[in-house]
Amino acid sequence: MMHRTASPMHSLRFSGAIMTCCLAVGCATASPPTPLVPAASPAPSSSAVTDSAPSEDPAGVECKLYCEAPRMIPRVAPEPDYTQREIDNANGVLASMSDDLLGCYKKRLRVSPGAHAAITVDILVGSDGHVRNVDTTGGAVLGAVTMACIVHRIDKGVFEPPHGGGTIHVQVPFTLRVAADDEQT
């Protein structure tokens, strides 16, 4: 049971507005974990009820609050996972470049047969799917000509445009080395 005490300023005649205020404040109050309505009492059809008639003094009005079980409003289904779709697309585009990237590396092997490198390539894909910028980290052993060849090939790549516009940042670490005789390529 919840009791509300009105200030002396509200000593006017009890009106529907004050009754509404009493009930609204009662509903805004945190509910205890136990039900407000005893199990034996039938639940009223409305969410708030007063059990005494309006009186001249609102401070003497007893208010009760009956809260029914909450209902969840179904949410709109989330959009598909575009990140996974973009990852799959990037993997496909980079796989299509594999022969060209290996061609850049094989040119270096003709000059330096022991050359190998771990490289990280940062690709910025624009809203139209075209590559805007390519930065590399590592690969100094491969030399400037080989790195320029790799960057040039990646720069020609075309990705699926990002969902909703904007840009996509793709970071790809990879290693270039001569495969051992027993390794599958």
C-alpha atoms as a PDB file:
ATOM      1  CA  MET A   1       0.000   0.000   0.000  1.00  0.00           C
ATOM      2  CA  MET A   2       1.391   3.411  -0.889  1.00  0.00           C
ATOM      3  CA  HIS A   3       0.549   6.647   0.949  1.00  0.00           C
ATOM      4  CA  ARG A   4       1.253  10.100  -0.449  1.00  0.00           C
ATOM      5  CA  THR A   5       1.264  13.286   1.605  1.00  0.00           C
ATOM      6  CA  ALA A   6       0.372  16.495  -0.206  1.00  0.00           C
ATOM      7  CA  SER A   7       1.900  19.865   0.646  1.00  0.00           C
ATOM      8  CA  PRO A   8      -0.253  22.580   2.279  1.00  0.00           C
ATOM      9  CA  MET A   9      -0.371  24.327  -1.091  1.00  0.00           C
ATOM     10  CA  HIS A  10      -2.624  21.518  -2.347  1.00  0.00           C
ATOM     11  CA  SER A  11      -5.303  21.975   0.277  1.00  0.00           C
ATOM     12  CA  LEU A  12      -7.816  22.953  -2.392  1.00  0.00           C
ATOM     13  CA  ARG A  13     -10.700  20.722  -3.216  1.00  0.00           C
ATOM     14  CA  PHE A  14      -9.661  17.290  -4.499  1.00  0.00           C
ATOM     15  CA  SER A  15      -9.940  17.199  -8.261  1.00  0.00           C
ATOM     16  CA  GLY A  16      -9.316  14.737 -11.049  1.00  0.00           C
ATOM     17  CA  ALA A  17      -6.013  16.476 -11.802  1.00  0.00           C
ATOM     18  CA  ILE A  18      -4.732  15.815  -8.292  1.00  0.00           C
ATOM     19  CA  MET A  19      -5.945  12.234  -8.498  1.00  0.00           C
ATOM     20  CA  THR A  20      -4.067  11.795 -11.763  1.00  0.00           C
ATOM     21  CA  CYS A  21      -0.973  13.307 -10.202  1.00  0.00           C
ATOM     22  CA  CYS A  22      -1.207  10.940  -7.269  1.00  0.00           C
ATOM     23  CA  LEU A  23      -1.451   7.934  -9.548  1.00  0.00           C
ATOM     24  CA  ALA A  24       1.289   9.098 -11.907  1.00  0.00           C
ATOM     25  CA  VAL A  25       3.678   9.657  -9.024  1.00  0.00           C
ATOM     26  CA  GLY A  26       2.766   6.262  -7.620  1.00  0.00           C
ATOM     27  CA  CYS A  27       3.536   4.563 -10.946  1.00  0.00           C
ATOM     28  CA  ALA A  28       6.835   6.402 -11.237  1.00  0.00           C
ATOM     29  CA  THR A  29       7.973   5.076  -7.871  1.00  0.00           C
ATOM     30  CA  ALA A  30      10.203   2.031  -7.991  1.00  0.00           C
ATOM     31  CA  SER A  31       8.273  -1.141  -7.331  1.00  0.00           C
ATOM     32  CA  PRO A  32       9.428  -3.613  -4.705  1.00  0.00           C
ATOM     33  CA  PRO A  33      10.409  -7.041  -6.022  1.00  0.00           C
ATOM     34  CA  THR A  34       7.275  -8.593  -4.520  1.00  0.00           C
ATOM     35  CA  PRO A  35       3.881  -8.059  -6.161  1.00  0.00           C
ATOM     36  CA  LEU A  36       1.898  -5.077  -4.960  1.00  0.00           C
ATOM     37  CA  VAL A  37      -1.340  -7.037  -5.129  1.00  0.00           C
ATOM     38  CA  PRO A  38      -1.682 -10.008  -2.746  1.00  0.00           C
ATOM     39  CA  ALA A  39      -2.089 -13.327  -4.562  1.00  0.00           C
ATOM     40  CA  ALA A  40      -5.606 -13.819  -3.171  1.00  0.00           C
ATOM     41  CA  SER A  41      -6.852 -10.443  -4.435  1.00  0.00           C
ATOM     42  CA  PRO A  42      -8.280 -10.355  -7.938  1.00  0.00           C
ATOM     43  CA  ALA A  43      -6.352  -8.034 -10.251  1.00  0.00           C
ATOM     44  CA  PRO A  44      -8.366  -4.978 -11.222  1.00  0.00           C
ATOM     45  CA  SER A  45      -8.934  -4.237 -14.881  1.00  0.00           C
ATOM     46  CA  SER A  46      -7.187  -0.871 -14.767  1.00  0.00           C
ATOM     47  CA  SER A  47      -3.565  -0.273 -13.888  1.00  0.00           C
ATOM     48  CA  ALA A  48      -4.301   2.145 -11.018  1.00  0.00           C
ATOM     49  CA  VAL A  49      -7.188   2.344  -8.569  1.00  0.00           C
ATOM     50  CA  THR A  50      -8.134   4.483  -5.604  1.00  0.00           C
ATOM     51  CA  ASP A  51     -10.181   2.850  -2.911  1.00  0.00           C
ATOM     52  CA  SER A  52     -11.604   5.907  -1.221  1.00  0.00           C
ATOM     53  CA  ALA A  53     -13.831   8.656  -2.504  1.00  0.00           C
ATOM     54  CA  PRO A  54     -12.374  12.089  -3.163  1.00  0.00           C
ATOM     55  CA  SER A  55     -12.224  14.180  -0.008  1.00  0.00           C
ATOM     56  CA  GLU A  56     -11.579  17.792   0.772  1.00  0.00           C
ATOM     57  CA  ASP A  57      -8.029  17.113   2.013  1.00  0.00           C
ATOM     58  CA  PRO A  58      -5.774  15.350  -0.548  1.00  0.00           C
ATOM     59  CA  ALA A  59      -3.348  14.441   2.246  1.00  0.00           C
ATOM     60  CA  GLY A  60      -5.923  12.047   3.604  1.00  0.00           C
ATOM     61  CA  VAL A  61      -6.480  10.259   0.277  1.00  0.00           C
ATOM     62  CA  GLU A  62      -5.172   6.726   0.173  1.00  0.00           C
ATOM     63  CA  CYS A  63      -3.799   5.615  -3.176  1.00  0.00           C
ATOM     64  CA  LYS A  64      -3.070   2.102  -4.344  1.00  0.00           C
ATOM     65  CA  LEU A  65      -1.072   1.056  -7.324  1.00  0.00           C
ATOM     66  CA  TYR A  66      -1.654  -2.199  -9.131  1.00  0.00           C
ATOM     67  CA  CYS A  67       0.905  -3.019 -11.781  1.00  0.00           C
ATOM     68  CA  GLU A  68       0.329  -5.814 -14.229  1.00  0.00           C
ATOM     69  CA  ALA A  69       3.113  -7.857 -15.784  1.00  0.00           C
ATOM     70  CA  PRO A  70       5.054  -5.857 -18.373  1.00  0.00           C
ATOM     71  CA  ARG A  71       4.816  -6.706 -22.059  1.00  0.00           C
ATOM     72  CA  MET A  72       7.756  -6.426 -24.389  1.00  0.00           C
ATOM     73  CA  ILE A  73       7.127  -4.652 -27.670  1.00  0.00           C
ATOM     74  CA  PRO A  74       8.834  -6.623 -30.451  1.00  0.00           C
ATOM     75  CA  ARG A  75      11.815  -4.825 -31.910  1.00  0.00           C
ATOM     76  CA  VAL A  76      12.454  -4.519 -35.592  1.00  0.00           C
ATOM     77  CA  ALA A  77      14.827  -7.254 -36.718  1.00  0.00           C
ATOM     78  CA  PRO A  78      18.416  -5.999 -36.934  1.00  0.00           C
ATOM     79  CA  GLU A  79      19.955  -5.502 -40.347  1.00  0.00           C
ATOM     80  CA  PRO A  80      22.192  -8.225 -41.754  1.00  0.00           C
ATOM     81  CA  ASP A  81      25.796  -8.261 -40.589  1.00  0.00           C
ATOM     82  CA  TYR A  82      27.383  -6.092 -43.249  1.00  0.00           C
ATOM     83  CA  THR A  83      30.801  -6.363 -41.580  1.00  0.00           C
ATOM     84  CA  GLN A  84      30.994 -10.078 -42.354  1.00  0.00           C
ATOM     85  CA  ARG A  85      29.801  -9.388 -45.884  1.00  0.00           C
ATOM     86  CA  GLU A  86      32.560  -6.773 -46.308  1.00  0.00           C
ATOM     87  CA  ILE A  87      35.180  -9.181 -44.922  1.00  0.00           C
ATOM     88  CA  ASP A  88      34.085 -11.879 -47.383  1.00  0.00           C
ATOM     89  CA  ASN A  89      34.215  -9.365 -50.231  1.00  0.00           C
ATOM     90  CA  ALA A  90      37.716  -8.176 -49.210  1.00  0.00           C
ATOM     91  CA  ASN A  91      38.936 -11.776 -49.057  1.00  0.00           C
ATOM     92  CA  GLY A  92      37.598 -12.397 -52.560  1.00  0.00           C
ATOM     93  CA  VAL A  93      39.131  -9.227 -54.014  1.00  0.00           C
ATOM     94  CA  LEU A  94      42.510  -9.934 -52.421  1.00  0.00           C
ATOM     95  CA  ALA A  95      42.411 -13.567 -53.578  1.00  0.00           C
ATOM     96  CA  SER A  96      41.887 -12.315 -57.134  1.00  0.00           C
ATOM     97  CA  MET A  97      45.127 -10.291 -56.763  1.00  0.00           C
ATOM     98  CA  SER A  98      47.183 -13.231 -55.521  1.00  0.00           C
ATOM     99  CA  ASP A  99      48.898 -14.074 -58.825  1.00  0.00           C
ATOM    100  CA  ASP A 100      49.802 -10.431 -59.460  1.00  0.00           C
ATOM    101  CA  LEU A 101      51.177  -9.958 -55.922  1.00  0.00           C
ATOM    102  CA  LEU A 102      53.221 -13.152 -56.265  1.00  0.00           C
ATOM    103  CA  GLY A 103      54.449 -11.843 -59.631  1.00  0.00           C
ATOM    104  CA  CYS A 104      55.822  -8.742 -57.880  1.00  0.00           C
ATOM    105  CA  TYR A 105      57.563 -10.978 -55.348  1.00  0.00           C
ATOM    106  CA  LYS A 106      58.985 -13.366 -57.977  1.00  0.00           C
ATOM    107  CA  LYS A 107      60.613 -10.424 -59.773  1.00  0.00           C
ATOM    108  CA  ARG A 108      62.472  -9.653 -56.534  1.00  0.00           C
ATOM    109  CA  LEU A 109      63.513 -13.304 -56.138  1.00  0.00           C
ATOM    110  CA  ARG A 110      65.342 -13.126 -59.498  1.00  0.00           C
ATOM    111  CA  VAL A 111      67.620 -10.469 -57.996  1.00  0.00           C
ATOM    112  CA  SER A 112      67.677 -11.687 -54.378  1.00  0.00           C
ATOM    113  CA  PRO A 113      66.726 -15.398 -54.052  1.00  0.00           C
ATOM    114  CA  GLY A 114      66.568 -15.256 -50.228  1.00  0.00           C
ATOM    115  CA  ALA A 115      64.198 -12.285 -50.044  1.00  0.00           C
ATOM    116  CA  HIS A 116      61.165 -12.686 -47.796  1.00  0.00           C
ATOM    117  CA  ALA A 117      58.971 -10.329 -45.824  1.00  0.00           C
ATOM    118  CA  ALA A 118      56.083  -9.959 -43.442  1.00  0.00           C
ATOM    119  CA  ILE A 119      53.997  -7.037 -44.647  1.00  0.00           C
ATOM    120  CA  THR A 120      50.908  -5.288 -43.343  1.00  0.00           C
ATOM    121  CA  VAL A 121      48.861  -3.497 -45.961  1.00  0.00           C
ATOM    122  CA  ASP A 122      46.325  -0.851 -44.912  1.00  0.00           C
ATOM    123  CA  ILE A 123      43.715  -0.217 -47.598  1.00  0.00           C
ATOM    124  CA  LEU A 124      41.191   2.599 -47.499  1.00  0.00           C
ATOM    125  CA  VAL A 125      38.185   1.785 -49.690  1.00  0.00           C
ATOM    126  CA  GLY A 126      35.995   4.700 -50.745  1.00  0.00           C
ATOM    127  CA  SER A 127      32.205   4.878 -50.897  1.00  0.00           C
ATOM    128  CA  ASP A 128      32.307   3.832 -54.564  1.00  0.00           C
ATOM    129  CA  GLY A 129      34.332   0.667 -53.776  1.00  0.00           C
ATOM    130  CA  HIS A 130      37.557   1.963 -55.335  1.00  0.00           C
ATOM    131  CA  VAL A 131      40.776   2.048 -53.352  1.00  0.00           C
ATOM    132  CA  ARG A 132      41.552   5.547 -52.083  1.00  0.00           C
ATOM    133  CA  ASN A 133      44.819   4.869 -50.308  1.00  0.00           C
ATOM    134  CA  VAL A 134      47.287   2.032 -49.670  1.00  0.00           C
ATOM    135  CA  ASP A 135      49.892   2.135 -46.899  1.00  0.00           C
ATOM    136  CA  THR A 136      52.366  -0.621 -46.103  1.00  0.00           C
ATOM    137  CA  THR A 137      54.375  -1.562 -43.056  1.00  0.00           C
ATOM    138  CA  GLY A 138      57.362  -3.891 -43.288  1.00  0.00           C
ATOM    139  CA  GLY A 139      58.838  -5.313 -46.461  1.00  0.00           C
ATOM    140  CA  ALA A 140      62.021  -3.249 -46.513  1.00  0.00           C
ATOM    141  CA  VAL A 141      63.977  -6.380 -47.509  1.00  0.00           C
ATOM    142  CA  LEU A 142      61.889  -6.603 -50.669  1.00  0.00           C
ATOM    143  CA  GLY A 143      63.016  -3.165 -51.813  1.00  0.00           C
ATOM    144  CA  ALA A 144      61.190  -0.108 -53.074  1.00  0.00           C
ATOM    145  CA  VAL A 145      60.463  -1.506 -56.558  1.00  0.00           C
ATOM    146  CA  THR A 146      58.746  -4.644 -55.235  1.00  0.00           C
ATOM    147  CA  MET A 147      56.759  -2.677 -52.643  1.00  0.00           C
ATOM    148  CA  ALA A 148      55.671  -0.177 -55.313  1.00  0.00           C
ATOM    149  CA  CYS A 149      54.535  -3.093 -57.504  1.00  0.00           C
ATOM    150  CA  ILE A 150      52.460  -4.529 -54.626  1.00  0.00           C
ATOM    151  CA  VAL A 151      50.919  -1.142 -53.778  1.00  0.00           C
ATOM    152  CA  HIS A 152      50.146  -0.470 -57.464  1.00  0.00           C
ATOM    153  CA  ARG A 153      48.319  -3.793 -57.827  1.00  0.00           C
ATOM    154  CA  ILE A 154      46.272  -3.305 -54.655  1.00  0.00           C
ATOM    155  CA  ASP A 155      45.509   0.269 -55.698  1.00  0.00           C
ATOM    156  CA  LYS A 156      43.740  -1.079 -58.824  1.00  0.00           C
ATOM    157  CA  GLY A 157      41.403  -3.265 -56.735  1.00  0.00           C
ATOM    158  CA  VAL A 158      37.671  -2.668 -56.714  1.00  0.00           C
ATOM    159  CA  PHE A 159      35.686  -3.700 -53.652  1.00  0.00           C
ATOM    160  CA  GLU A 160      31.971  -3.778 -53.024  1.00  0.00           C
ATOM    161  CA  PRO A 161      30.875  -0.275 -51.973  1.00  0.00           C
ATOM    162  CA  PRO A 162      30.379   0.021 -48.201  1.00  0.00           C
ATOM    163  CA  HIS A 163      26.781  -0.377 -47.056  1.00  0.00           C
ATOM    164  CA  GLY A 164      25.385   3.032 -46.163  1.00  0.00           C
ATOM    165  CA  GLY A 165      28.254   4.937 -47.773  1.00  0.00           C
ATOM    166  CA  GLY A 166      31.425   6.109 -46.107  1.00  0.00           C
ATOM    167  CA  THR A 167      34.715   4.278 -46.262  1.00  0.00           C
ATOM    168  CA  ILE A 168      36.077   0.915 -45.184  1.00  0.00           C
ATOM    169  CA  HIS A 169      39.487   0.378 -43.654  1.00  0.00           C
ATOM    170  CA  VAL A 170      40.943  -3.033 -44.541  1.00  0.00           C
ATOM    171  CA  GLN A 171      44.125  -4.175 -42.837  1.00  0.00           C
ATOM    172  CA  VAL A 172      45.821  -7.242 -44.303  1.00  0.00           C
ATOM    173  CA  PRO A 173      48.938  -8.831 -42.842  1.00  0.00           C
ATOM    174  CA  PHE A 174      50.641 -11.328 -45.123  1.00  0.00           C
ATOM    175  CA  THR A 175      53.975 -13.026 -45.616  1.00  0.00           C
ATOM    176  CA  LEU A 176      55.942 -13.470 -48.827  1.00  0.00           C
ATOM    177  CA  ARG A 177      58.456 -16.294 -48.763  1.00  0.00           C
ATOM    178  CA  VAL A 178      59.607 -19.211 -50.881  1.00  0.00           C
ATOM    179  CA  ALA A 179      57.553 -22.311 -50.081  1.00  0.00           C
ATOM    180  CA  ALA A 180      59.408 -25.418 -48.933  1.00  0.00           C
ATOM    181  CA  ASP A 181      59.334 -28.428 -51.279  1.00  0.00           C
ATOM    182  CA  ASP A 182      56.893 -30.330 -49.029  1.00  0.00           C
ATOM    183  CA  GLU A 183      54.430 -27.403 -48.660  1.00  0.00           C
ATOM    184  CA  GLN A 184      51.326 -27.032 -50.759  1.00  0.00           C
ATOM    185  CA  THR A 185      50.759 -23.594 -52.231  1.00  0.00           C
END
